[in-house]
Amino acid sequence: GESFLDKMISMVEGAKRQKTPNEIALTILLITLTVIFM
């Protein structure tokens, strides 16, 4: 369960995909704009 092929399948499926710093910053911006327009 720890082979390179297992890791490939896991990564390609996106099961362990995490948000990037840029994406997190953009999410915060979107939340801020949403609150402002509310």
PDB file of all heavy atoms in Angstrom:
ATOM      1  N   GLY A   1       0.791  -1.231   0.000  1.00  0.00           N
ATOM      2  CA  GLY A   1       0.000   0.000   0.000  1.00  0.00           C
ATOM      3  C   GLY A   1       0.816   1.271   0.000  1.00  0.00           C
ATOM      4  O   GLY A   1       0.257   2.365  -0.006  1.00  0.00           O
ATOM      5  N   GLU A   2       2.161   1.143   0.009  1.00  0.00           N
ATOM      6  CA  GLU A   2       3.020   2.324   0.062  1.00  0.00           C
ATOM      7  C   GLU A   2       3.894   2.462  -1.179  1.00  0.00           C
ATOM      8  O   GLU A   2       4.837   3.246  -1.190  1.00  0.00           O
ATOM      9  CB  GLU A   2       3.930   2.263   1.299  1.00  0.00           C
ATOM     10  CG  GLU A   2       3.165   2.251   2.620  1.00  0.00           C
ATOM     11  CD  GLU A   2       4.098   2.106   3.803  1.00  0.00           C
ATOM     12  OE1 GLU A   2       5.322   1.957   3.586  1.00  0.00           O
ATOM     13  OE2 GLU A   2       3.617   2.132   4.953  1.00  0.00           O
ATOM     14  N   SER A   3       3.594   1.706  -2.219  1.00  0.00           N
ATOM     15  CA  SER A   3       4.427   1.755  -3.418  1.00  0.00           C
ATOM     16  C   SER A   3       4.235   3.067  -4.158  1.00  0.00           C
ATOM     17  O   SER A   3       3.285   3.821  -3.911  1.00  0.00           O
ATOM     18  CB  SER A   3       4.090   0.584  -4.348  1.00  0.00           C
ATOM     19  OG  SER A   3       2.803   0.768  -4.922  1.00  0.00           O
ATOM     20  N   PHE A   4       5.134   3.310  -5.096  1.00  0.00           N
ATOM     21  CA  PHE A   4       5.059   4.532  -5.893  1.00  0.00           C
ATOM     22  C   PHE A   4       3.756   4.574  -6.690  1.00  0.00           C
ATOM     23  O   PHE A   4       3.137   5.626  -6.832  1.00  0.00           O
ATOM     24  CB  PHE A   4       6.263   4.592  -6.831  1.00  0.00           C
ATOM     25  CG  PHE A   4       6.325   5.836  -7.665  1.00  0.00           C
ATOM     26  CD1 PHE A   4       6.366   7.080  -7.070  1.00  0.00           C
ATOM     27  CD2 PHE A   4       6.342   5.764  -9.046  1.00  0.00           C
ATOM     28  CE1 PHE A   4       6.429   8.235  -7.830  1.00  0.00           C
ATOM     29  CE2 PHE A   4       6.402   6.911  -9.811  1.00  0.00           C
ATOM     30  CZ  PHE A   4       6.452   8.140  -9.201  1.00  0.00           C
ATOM     31  N   LEU A   5       3.328   3.413  -7.196  1.00  0.00           N
ATOM     32  CA  LEU A   5       2.086   3.364  -7.959  1.00  0.00           C
ATOM     33  C   LEU A   5       0.888   3.693  -7.070  1.00  0.00           C
ATOM     34  O   LEU A   5      -0.047   4.383  -7.496  1.00  0.00           O
ATOM     35  CB  LEU A   5       1.917   1.980  -8.596  1.00  0.00           C
ATOM     36  CG  LEU A   5       0.770   1.820  -9.599  1.00  0.00           C
ATOM     37  CD1 LEU A   5       0.903   2.838 -10.714  1.00  0.00           C
ATOM     38  CD2 LEU A   5       0.753   0.415 -10.163  1.00  0.00           C
ATOM     39  N   ASP A   6       0.910   3.216  -5.824  1.00  0.00           N
ATOM     40  CA  ASP A   6      -0.169   3.558  -4.883  1.00  0.00           C
ATOM     41  C   ASP A   6      -0.220   5.067  -4.659  1.00  0.00           C
ATOM     42  O   ASP A   6      -1.289   5.671  -4.622  1.00  0.00           O
ATOM     43  CB  ASP A   6       0.055   2.853  -3.536  1.00  0.00           C
ATOM     44  CG  ASP A   6      -0.189   1.359  -3.622  1.00  0.00           C
ATOM     45  OD1 ASP A   6      -1.188   0.965  -4.234  1.00  0.00           O
ATOM     46  OD2 ASP A   6       0.631   0.600  -3.093  1.00  0.00           O
ATOM     47  N   LYS A   7       0.972   5.673  -4.503  1.00  0.00           N
ATOM     48  CA  LYS A   7       1.028   7.122  -4.305  1.00  0.00           C
ATOM     49  C   LYS A   7       0.541   7.857  -5.545  1.00  0.00           C
ATOM     50  O   LYS A   7      -0.138   8.881  -5.456  1.00  0.00           O
ATOM     51  CB  LYS A   7       2.454   7.551  -3.963  1.00  0.00           C
ATOM     52  CG  LYS A   7       2.943   7.038  -2.607  1.00  0.00           C
ATOM     53  CD  LYS A   7       4.384   7.453  -2.358  1.00  0.00           C
ATOM     54  CE  LYS A   7       4.889   6.896  -1.032  1.00  0.00           C
ATOM     55  NZ  LYS A   7       6.308   7.233  -0.789  1.00  0.00           N
ATOM     56  N   MET A   8       0.901   7.339  -6.717  1.00  0.00           N
ATOM     57  CA  MET A   8       0.458   7.956  -7.964  1.00  0.00           C
ATOM     58  C   MET A   8      -1.060   7.994  -8.036  1.00  0.00           C
ATOM     59  O   MET A   8      -1.671   9.013  -8.338  1.00  0.00           O
ATOM     60  CB  MET A   8       1.002   7.181  -9.175  1.00  0.00           C
ATOM     61  CG  MET A   8       2.456   7.441  -9.494  1.00  0.00           C
ATOM     62  SD  MET A   8       2.998   6.450 -10.900  1.00  0.00           S
ATOM     63  CE  MET A   8       1.934   7.111 -12.179  1.00  0.00           C
ATOM     64  N   ILE A   9      -1.677   6.842  -7.751  1.00  0.00           N
ATOM     65  CA  ILE A   9      -3.137   6.750  -7.819  1.00  0.00           C
ATOM     66  C   ILE A   9      -3.769   7.708  -6.830  1.00  0.00           C
ATOM     67  O   ILE A   9      -4.721   8.429  -7.141  1.00  0.00           O
ATOM     68  CB  ILE A   9      -3.591   5.298  -7.550  1.00  0.00           C
ATOM     69  CG1 ILE A   9      -3.111   4.376  -8.685  1.00  0.00           C
ATOM     70  CG2 ILE A   9      -5.109   5.228  -7.415  1.00  0.00           C
ATOM     71  CD1 ILE A   9      -3.312   2.911  -8.407  1.00  0.00           C
ATOM     72  N   SER A  10      -3.229   7.746  -5.616  1.00  0.00           N
ATOM     73  CA  SER A  10      -3.755   8.634  -4.586  1.00  0.00           C
ATOM     74  C   SER A  10      -3.638  10.096  -4.989  1.00  0.00           C
ATOM     75  O   SER A  10      -4.573  10.889  -4.841  1.00  0.00           O
ATOM     76  CB  SER A  10      -3.024   8.392  -3.267  1.00  0.00           C
ATOM     77  OG  SER A  10      -3.466   9.289  -2.279  1.00  0.00           O
ATOM     78  N   MET A  11      -2.462  10.470  -5.537  1.00  0.00           N
ATOM     79  CA  MET A  11      -2.242  11.865  -5.926  1.00  0.00           C
ATOM     80  C   MET A  11      -3.110  12.263  -7.107  1.00  0.00           C
ATOM     81  O   MET A  11      -3.681  13.354  -7.141  1.00  0.00           O
ATOM     82  CB  MET A  11      -0.773  12.091  -6.275  1.00  0.00           C
ATOM     83  CG  MET A  11       0.182  11.953  -5.111  1.00  0.00           C
ATOM     84  SD  MET A  11      -0.182  13.111  -3.774  1.00  0.00           S
ATOM     85  CE  MET A  11      -0.426  11.957  -2.443  1.00  0.00           C
ATOM     86  N   VAL A  12      -3.203  11.370  -8.102  1.00  0.00           N
ATOM     87  CA  VAL A  12      -3.983  11.691  -9.297  1.00  0.00           C
ATOM     88  C   VAL A  12      -5.461  11.841  -8.952  1.00  0.00           C
ATOM     89  O   VAL A  12      -6.164  12.691  -9.483  1.00  0.00           O
ATOM     90  CB  VAL A  12      -3.779  10.606 -10.380  1.00  0.00           C
ATOM     91  CG1 VAL A  12      -4.744  10.800 -11.534  1.00  0.00           C
ATOM     92  CG2 VAL A  12      -2.353  10.658 -10.896  1.00  0.00           C
ATOM     93  N   GLU A  13      -5.949  11.011  -8.047  1.00  0.00           N
ATOM     94  CA  GLU A  13      -7.350  11.117  -7.634  1.00  0.00           C
ATOM     95  C   GLU A  13      -7.607  12.396  -6.851  1.00  0.00           C
ATOM     96  O   GLU A  13      -8.746  12.812  -6.679  1.00  0.00           O
ATOM     97  CB  GLU A  13      -7.725   9.910  -6.767  1.00  0.00           C
ATOM     98  CG  GLU A  13      -7.910   8.636  -7.567  1.00  0.00           C
ATOM     99  CD  GLU A  13      -8.320   7.472  -6.688  1.00  0.00           C
ATOM    100  OE1 GLU A  13      -7.842   7.399  -5.547  1.00  0.00           O
ATOM    101  OE2 GLU A  13      -9.110   6.639  -7.136  1.00  0.00           O
ATOM    102  N   GLY A  14      -6.537  13.036  -6.383  1.00  0.00           N
ATOM    103  CA  GLY A  14      -6.702  14.293  -5.648  1.00  0.00           C
ATOM    104  C   GLY A  14      -7.142  14.094  -4.221  1.00  0.00           C
ATOM    105  O   GLY A  14      -7.588  15.040  -3.563  1.00  0.00           O
ATOM    106  N   ALA A  15      -7.005  12.856  -3.715  1.00  0.00           N
ATOM    107  CA  ALA A  15      -7.498  12.577  -2.361  1.00  0.00           C
ATOM    108  C   ALA A  15      -6.750  13.383  -1.302  1.00  0.00           C
ATOM    109  O   ALA A  15      -7.306  13.739  -0.281  1.00  0.00           O
ATOM    110  CB  ALA A  15      -7.351  11.085  -2.064  1.00  0.00           C
ATOM    111  N   LYS A  16      -5.483  13.699  -1.577  1.00  0.00           N
ATOM    112  CA  LYS A  16      -4.678  14.406  -0.583  1.00  0.00           C
ATOM    113  C   LYS A  16      -4.384  15.841  -0.991  1.00  0.00           C
ATOM    114  O   LYS A  16      -3.488  16.470  -0.461  1.00  0.00           O
ATOM    115  CB  LYS A  16      -3.364  13.651  -0.339  1.00  0.00           C
ATOM    116  CG  LYS A  16      -3.561  12.267   0.256  1.00  0.00           C
ATOM    117  CD  LYS A  16      -2.230  11.609   0.538  1.00  0.00           C
ATOM    118  CE  LYS A  16      -2.417  10.224   1.138  1.00  0.00           C
ATOM    119  NZ  LYS A  16      -1.125   9.563   1.411  1.00  0.00           N
ATOM    120  N   ARG A  17      -5.121  16.334  -1.963  1.00  0.00           N
ATOM    121  CA  ARG A  17      -4.852  17.685  -2.444  1.00  0.00           C
ATOM    122  C   ARG A  17      -5.191  18.710  -1.360  1.00  0.00           C
ATOM    123  O   ARG A  17      -6.274  18.691  -0.787  1.00  0.00           O
ATOM    124  CB  ARG A  17      -5.672  17.976  -3.699  1.00  0.00           C
ATOM    125  CG  ARG A  17      -5.439  19.384  -4.224  1.00  0.00           C
ATOM    126  CD  ARG A  17      -6.324  19.680  -5.420  1.00  0.00           C
ATOM    127  NE  ARG A  17      -6.110  21.041  -5.852  1.00  0.00           N
ATOM    128  CZ  ARG A  17      -6.775  22.089  -5.358  1.00  0.00           C
ATOM    129  NH1 ARG A  17      -7.681  21.914  -4.435  1.00  0.00           N
ATOM    130  NH2 ARG A  17      -6.529  23.301  -5.790  1.00  0.00           N
ATOM    131  N   GLN A  18      -4.261  19.595  -1.082  1.00  0.00           N
ATOM    132  CA  GLN A  18      -4.475  20.650  -0.101  1.00  0.00           C
ATOM    133  C   GLN A  18      -4.475  22.002  -0.800  1.00  0.00           C
ATOM    134  O   GLN A  18      -3.869  22.173  -1.857  1.00  0.00           O
ATOM    135  CB  GLN A  18      -3.374  20.618   0.954  1.00  0.00           C
ATOM    136  CG  GLN A  18      -3.356  19.326   1.766  1.00  0.00           C
ATOM    137  CD  GLN A  18      -2.238  19.324   2.782  1.00  0.00           C
ATOM    138  OE1 GLN A  18      -1.360  20.173   2.761  1.00  0.00           O
ATOM    139  NE2 GLN A  18      -2.272  18.365   3.688  1.00  0.00           N
ATOM    140  N   LYS A  19      -5.162  22.964  -0.204  1.00  0.00           N
ATOM    141  CA  LYS A  19      -5.171  24.307  -0.785  1.00  0.00           C
ATOM    142  C   LYS A  19      -3.799  24.946  -0.656  1.00  0.00           C
ATOM    143  O   LYS A  19      -3.120  24.782   0.349  1.00  0.00           O
ATOM    144  CB  LYS A  19      -6.228  25.177  -0.082  1.00  0.00           C
ATOM    145  CG  LYS A  19      -7.657  24.837  -0.463  1.00  0.00           C
ATOM    146  CD  LYS A  19      -8.636  25.864   0.087  1.00  0.00           C
ATOM    147  CE  LYS A  19     -10.054  25.589  -0.393  1.00  0.00           C
ATOM    148  NZ  LYS A  19     -11.007  26.605   0.072  1.00  0.00           N
ATOM    149  N   THR A  20      -3.415  25.671  -1.684  1.00  0.00           N
ATOM    150  CA  THR A  20      -2.125  26.354  -1.681  1.00  0.00           C
ATOM    151  C   THR A  20      -2.245  27.678  -0.922  1.00  0.00           C
ATOM    152  O   THR A  20      -3.358  28.183  -0.709  1.00  0.00           O
ATOM    153  CB  THR A  20      -1.683  26.637  -3.116  1.00  0.00           C
ATOM    154  OG1 THR A  20      -2.606  27.557  -3.711  1.00  0.00           O
ATOM    155  CG2 THR A  20      -1.653  25.363  -3.936  1.00  0.00           C
ATOM    156  N   PRO A  21      -1.123  28.273  -0.499  1.00  0.00           N
ATOM    157  CA  PRO A  21      -1.181  29.574   0.189  1.00  0.00           C
ATOM    158  C   PRO A  21      -1.904  30.639  -0.628  1.00  0.00           C
ATOM    159  O   PRO A  21      -2.678  31.435  -0.093  1.00  0.00           O
ATOM    160  CB  PRO A  21       0.297  29.926   0.377  1.00  0.00           C
ATOM    161  CG  PRO A  21       0.992  28.610   0.435  1.00  0.00           C
ATOM    162  CD  PRO A  21       0.243  27.722  -0.522  1.00  0.00           C
ATOM    163  N   ASN A  22      -1.648  30.656  -1.939  1.00  0.00           N
ATOM    164  CA  ASN A  22      -2.310  31.632  -2.807  1.00  0.00           C
ATOM    165  C   ASN A  22      -3.811  31.397  -2.836  1.00  0.00           C
ATOM    166  O   ASN A  22      -4.613  32.337  -2.792  1.00  0.00           O
ATOM    167  CB  ASN A  22      -1.723  31.530  -4.219  1.00  0.00           C
ATOM    168  CG  ASN A  22      -2.310  32.559  -5.158  1.00  0.00           C
ATOM    169  OD1 ASN A  22      -3.431  32.405  -5.632  1.00  0.00           O
ATOM    170  ND2 ASN A  22      -1.553  33.603  -5.435  1.00  0.00           N
ATOM    171  N   GLU A  23      -4.181  30.126  -2.875  1.00  0.00           N
ATOM    172  CA  GLU A  23      -5.599  29.773  -2.900  1.00  0.00           C
ATOM    173  C   GLU A  23      -6.280  30.122  -1.578  1.00  0.00           C
ATOM    174  O   GLU A  23      -7.420  30.587  -1.552  1.00  0.00           O
ATOM    175  CB  GLU A  23      -5.731  28.277  -3.190  1.00  0.00           C
ATOM    176  CG  GLU A  23      -7.112  27.841  -3.653  1.00  0.00           C
ATOM    177  CD  GLU A  23      -7.133  26.404  -4.115  1.00  0.00           C
ATOM    178  OE1 GLU A  23      -6.057  25.796  -4.245  1.00  0.00           O
ATOM    179  OE2 GLU A  23      -8.240  25.883  -4.347  1.00  0.00           O
ATOM    180  N   ILE A  24      -5.567  29.902  -0.473  1.00  0.00           N
ATOM    181  CA  ILE A  24      -6.112  30.255   0.841  1.00  0.00           C
ATOM    182  C   ILE A  24      -6.313  31.765   0.943  1.00  0.00           C
ATOM    183  O   ILE A  24      -7.343  32.246   1.429  1.00  0.00           O
ATOM    184  CB  ILE A  24      -5.176  29.753   1.961  1.00  0.00           C
ATOM    185  CG1 ILE A  24      -5.174  28.215   1.995  1.00  0.00           C
ATOM    186  CG2 ILE A  24      -5.607  30.307   3.313  1.00  0.00           C
ATOM    187  CD1 ILE A  24      -4.140  27.632   2.935  1.00  0.00           C
ATOM    188  N   ALA A  25      -5.313  32.525   0.463  1.00  0.00           N
ATOM    189  CA  ALA A  25      -5.412  33.989   0.486  1.00  0.00           C
ATOM    190  C   ALA A  25      -6.590  34.460  -0.358  1.00  0.00           C
ATOM    191  O   ALA A  25      -7.332  35.375   0.032  1.00  0.00           O
ATOM    192  CB  ALA A  25      -4.118  34.610  -0.026  1.00  0.00           C
ATOM    193  N   LEU A  26      -6.779  33.819  -1.516  1.00  0.00           N
ATOM    194  CA  LEU A  26      -7.889  34.196  -2.381  1.00  0.00           C
ATOM    195  C   LEU A  26      -9.227  33.850  -1.731  1.00  0.00           C
ATOM    196  O   LEU A  26     -10.198  34.613  -1.831  1.00  0.00           O
ATOM    197  CB  LEU A  26      -7.755  33.486  -3.730  1.00  0.00           C
ATOM    198  CG  LEU A  26      -8.813  33.821  -4.787  1.00  0.00           C
ATOM    199  CD1 LEU A  26      -8.884  35.320  -5.034  1.00  0.00           C
ATOM    200  CD2 LEU A  26      -8.521  33.072  -6.083  1.00  0.00           C
ATOM    201  N   THR A  27      -9.277  32.716  -1.041  1.00  0.00           N
ATOM    202  CA  THR A  27     -10.502  32.327  -0.338  1.00  0.00           C
ATOM    203  C   THR A  27     -10.856  33.354   0.735  1.00  0.00           C
ATOM    204  O   THR A  27     -12.022  33.726   0.897  1.00  0.00           O
ATOM    205  CB  THR A  27     -10.334  30.931   0.305  1.00  0.00           C
ATOM    206  OG1 THR A  27     -10.042  29.979  -0.717  1.00  0.00           O
ATOM    207  CG2 THR A  27     -11.607  30.510   1.031  1.00  0.00           C
ATOM    208  N   ILE A  28      -9.827  33.811   1.460  1.00  0.00           N
ATOM    209  CA  ILE A  28     -10.060  34.848   2.485  1.00  0.00           C
ATOM    210  C   ILE A  28     -10.592  36.123   1.841  1.00  0.00           C
ATOM    211  O   ILE A  28     -11.511  36.776   2.368  1.00  0.00           O
ATOM    212  CB  ILE A  28      -8.755  35.126   3.263  1.00  0.00           C
ATOM    213  CG1 ILE A  28      -8.357  33.886   4.073  1.00  0.00           C
ATOM    214  CG2 ILE A  28      -8.917  36.340   4.176  1.00  0.00           C
ATOM    215  CD1 ILE A  28      -6.993  34.002   4.735  1.00  0.00           C
ATOM    216  N   LEU A  29     -10.023  36.491   0.685  1.00  0.00           N
ATOM    217  CA  LEU A  29     -10.498  37.676  -0.037  1.00  0.00           C
ATOM    218  C   LEU A  29     -11.964  37.520  -0.438  1.00  0.00           C
ATOM    219  O   LEU A  29     -12.771  38.447  -0.274  1.00  0.00           O
ATOM    220  CB  LEU A  29      -9.638  37.909  -1.283  1.00  0.00           C
ATOM    221  CG  LEU A  29     -10.123  39.012  -2.244  1.00  0.00           C
ATOM    222  CD1 LEU A  29     -10.087  40.371  -1.558  1.00  0.00           C
ATOM    223  CD2 LEU A  29      -9.278  39.030  -3.513  1.00  0.00           C
ATOM    224  N   LEU A  30     -12.312  36.335  -0.935  1.00  0.00           N
ATOM    225  CA  LEU A  30     -13.689  36.095  -1.372  1.00  0.00           C
ATOM    226  C   LEU A  30     -14.657  36.147  -0.187  1.00  0.00           C
ATOM    227  O   LEU A  30     -15.768  36.676  -0.300  1.00  0.00           O
ATOM    228  CB  LEU A  30     -13.795  34.742  -2.077  1.00  0.00           C
ATOM    229  CG  LEU A  30     -12.971  34.584  -3.366  1.00  0.00           C
ATOM    230  CD1 LEU A  30     -13.213  33.217  -3.986  1.00  0.00           C
ATOM    231  CD2 LEU A  30     -13.295  35.681  -4.359  1.00  0.00           C
ATOM    232  N   ILE A  31     -14.229  35.588   0.941  1.00  0.00           N
ATOM    233  CA  ILE A  31     -15.072  35.640   2.142  1.00  0.00           C
ATOM    234  C   ILE A  31     -15.268  37.086   2.589  1.00  0.00           C
ATOM    235  O   ILE A  31     -16.383  37.500   2.959  1.00  0.00           O
ATOM    236  CB  ILE A  31     -14.443  34.797   3.272  1.00  0.00           C
ATOM    237  CG1 ILE A  31     -14.459  33.309   2.905  1.00  0.00           C
ATOM    238  CG2 ILE A  31     -15.192  35.021   4.586  1.00  0.00           C
ATOM    239  CD1 ILE A  31     -13.710  32.439   3.891  1.00  0.00           C
ATOM    240  N   THR A  32     -14.190  37.863   2.546  1.00  0.00           N
ATOM    241  CA  THR A  32     -14.264  39.274   2.938  1.00  0.00           C
ATOM    242  C   THR A  32     -15.241  40.037   2.043  1.00  0.00           C
ATOM    243  O   THR A  32     -16.089  40.801   2.529  1.00  0.00           O
ATOM    244  CB  THR A  32     -12.875  39.921   2.860  1.00  0.00           C
ATOM    245  OG1 THR A  32     -11.973  39.192   3.710  1.00  0.00           O
ATOM    246  CG2 THR A  32     -12.926  41.369   3.313  1.00  0.00           C
ATOM    247  N   LEU A  33     -15.121  39.817   0.738  1.00  0.00           N
ATOM    248  CA  LEU A  33     -16.037  40.489  -0.196  1.00  0.00           C
ATOM    249  C   LEU A  33     -17.473  40.052   0.035  1.00  0.00           C
ATOM    250  O   LEU A  33     -18.411  40.862  -0.056  1.00  0.00           O
ATOM    251  CB  LEU A  33     -15.617  40.183  -1.639  1.00  0.00           C
ATOM    252  CG  LEU A  33     -14.309  40.828  -2.113  1.00  0.00           C
ATOM    253  CD1 LEU A  33     -13.941  40.323  -3.500  1.00  0.00           C
ATOM    254  CD2 LEU A  33     -14.441  42.353  -2.135  1.00  0.00           C
ATOM    255  N   THR A  34     -17.650  38.766   0.340  1.00  0.00           N
ATOM    256  CA  THR A  34     -19.001  38.258   0.603  1.00  0.00           C
ATOM    257  C   THR A  34     -19.606  38.934   1.827  1.00  0.00           C
ATOM    258  O   THR A  34     -20.775  39.351   1.820  1.00  0.00           O
ATOM    259  CB  THR A  34     -18.958  36.731   0.812  1.00  0.00           C
ATOM    260  OG1 THR A  34     -18.432  36.112  -0.370  1.00  0.00           O
ATOM    261  CG2 THR A  34     -20.354  36.173   1.080  1.00  0.00           C
ATOM    262  N   VAL A  35     -18.798  39.057   2.885  1.00  0.00           N
ATOM    263  CA  VAL A  35     -19.281  39.713   4.108  1.00  0.00           C
ATOM    264  C   VAL A  35     -19.612  41.185   3.830  1.00  0.00           C
ATOM    265  O   VAL A  35     -20.638  41.699   4.289  1.00  0.00           O
ATOM    266  CB  VAL A  35     -18.222  39.599   5.227  1.00  0.00           C
ATOM    267  CG1 VAL A  35     -18.625  40.453   6.430  1.00  0.00           C
ATOM    268  CG2 VAL A  35     -18.041  38.142   5.644  1.00  0.00           C
ATOM    269  N   ILE A  36     -18.751  41.851   3.063  1.00  0.00           N
ATOM    270  CA  ILE A  36     -18.989  43.265   2.740  1.00  0.00           C
ATOM    271  C   ILE A  36     -20.309  43.439   1.999  1.00  0.00           C
ATOM    272  O   ILE A  36     -21.125  44.318   2.323  1.00  0.00           O
ATOM    273  CB  ILE A  36     -17.813  43.826   1.901  1.00  0.00           C
ATOM    274  CG1 ILE A  36     -16.560  43.948   2.767  1.00  0.00           C
ATOM    275  CG2 ILE A  36     -18.176  45.185   1.303  1.00  0.00           C
ATOM    276  CD1 ILE A  36     -15.322  44.321   1.995  1.00  0.00           C
ATOM    277  N   PHE A  37     -20.537  42.587   0.987  1.00  0.00           N
ATOM    278  CA  PHE A  37     -21.778  42.714   0.209  1.00  0.00           C
ATOM    279  C   PHE A  37     -23.007  42.277   1.010  1.00  0.00           C
ATOM    280  O   PHE A  37     -24.111  42.759   0.767  1.00  0.00           O
ATOM    281  CB  PHE A  37     -21.667  41.923  -1.095  1.00  0.00           C
ATOM    282  CG  PHE A  37     -20.924  42.662  -2.177  1.00  0.00           C
ATOM    283  CD1 PHE A  37     -19.722  42.187  -2.671  1.00  0.00           C
ATOM    284  CD2 PHE A  37     -21.429  43.847  -2.698  1.00  0.00           C
ATOM    285  CE1 PHE A  37     -19.033  42.873  -3.658  1.00  0.00           C
ATOM    286  CE2 PHE A  37     -20.750  44.538  -3.688  1.00  0.00           C
ATOM    287  CZ  PHE A  37     -19.549  44.051  -4.169  1.00  0.00           C
ATOM    288  N   MET A  38     -22.818  41.388   1.979  1.00  0.00           N
ATOM    289  CA  MET A  38     -23.936  41.044   2.867  1.00  0.00           C
ATOM    290  C   MET A  38     -24.344  42.272   3.680  1.00  0.00           C
ATOM    291  O   MET A  38     -25.539  42.548   3.854  1.00  0.00           O
ATOM    292  CB  MET A  38     -23.536  39.887   3.797  1.00  0.00           C
ATOM    293  CG  MET A  38     -23.461  38.532   3.110  1.00  0.00           C
ATOM    294  SD  MET A  38     -22.989  37.191   4.230  1.00  0.00           S
ATOM    295  CE  MET A  38     -24.462  37.076   5.243  1.00  0.00           C
TER     296      MET A  38
END
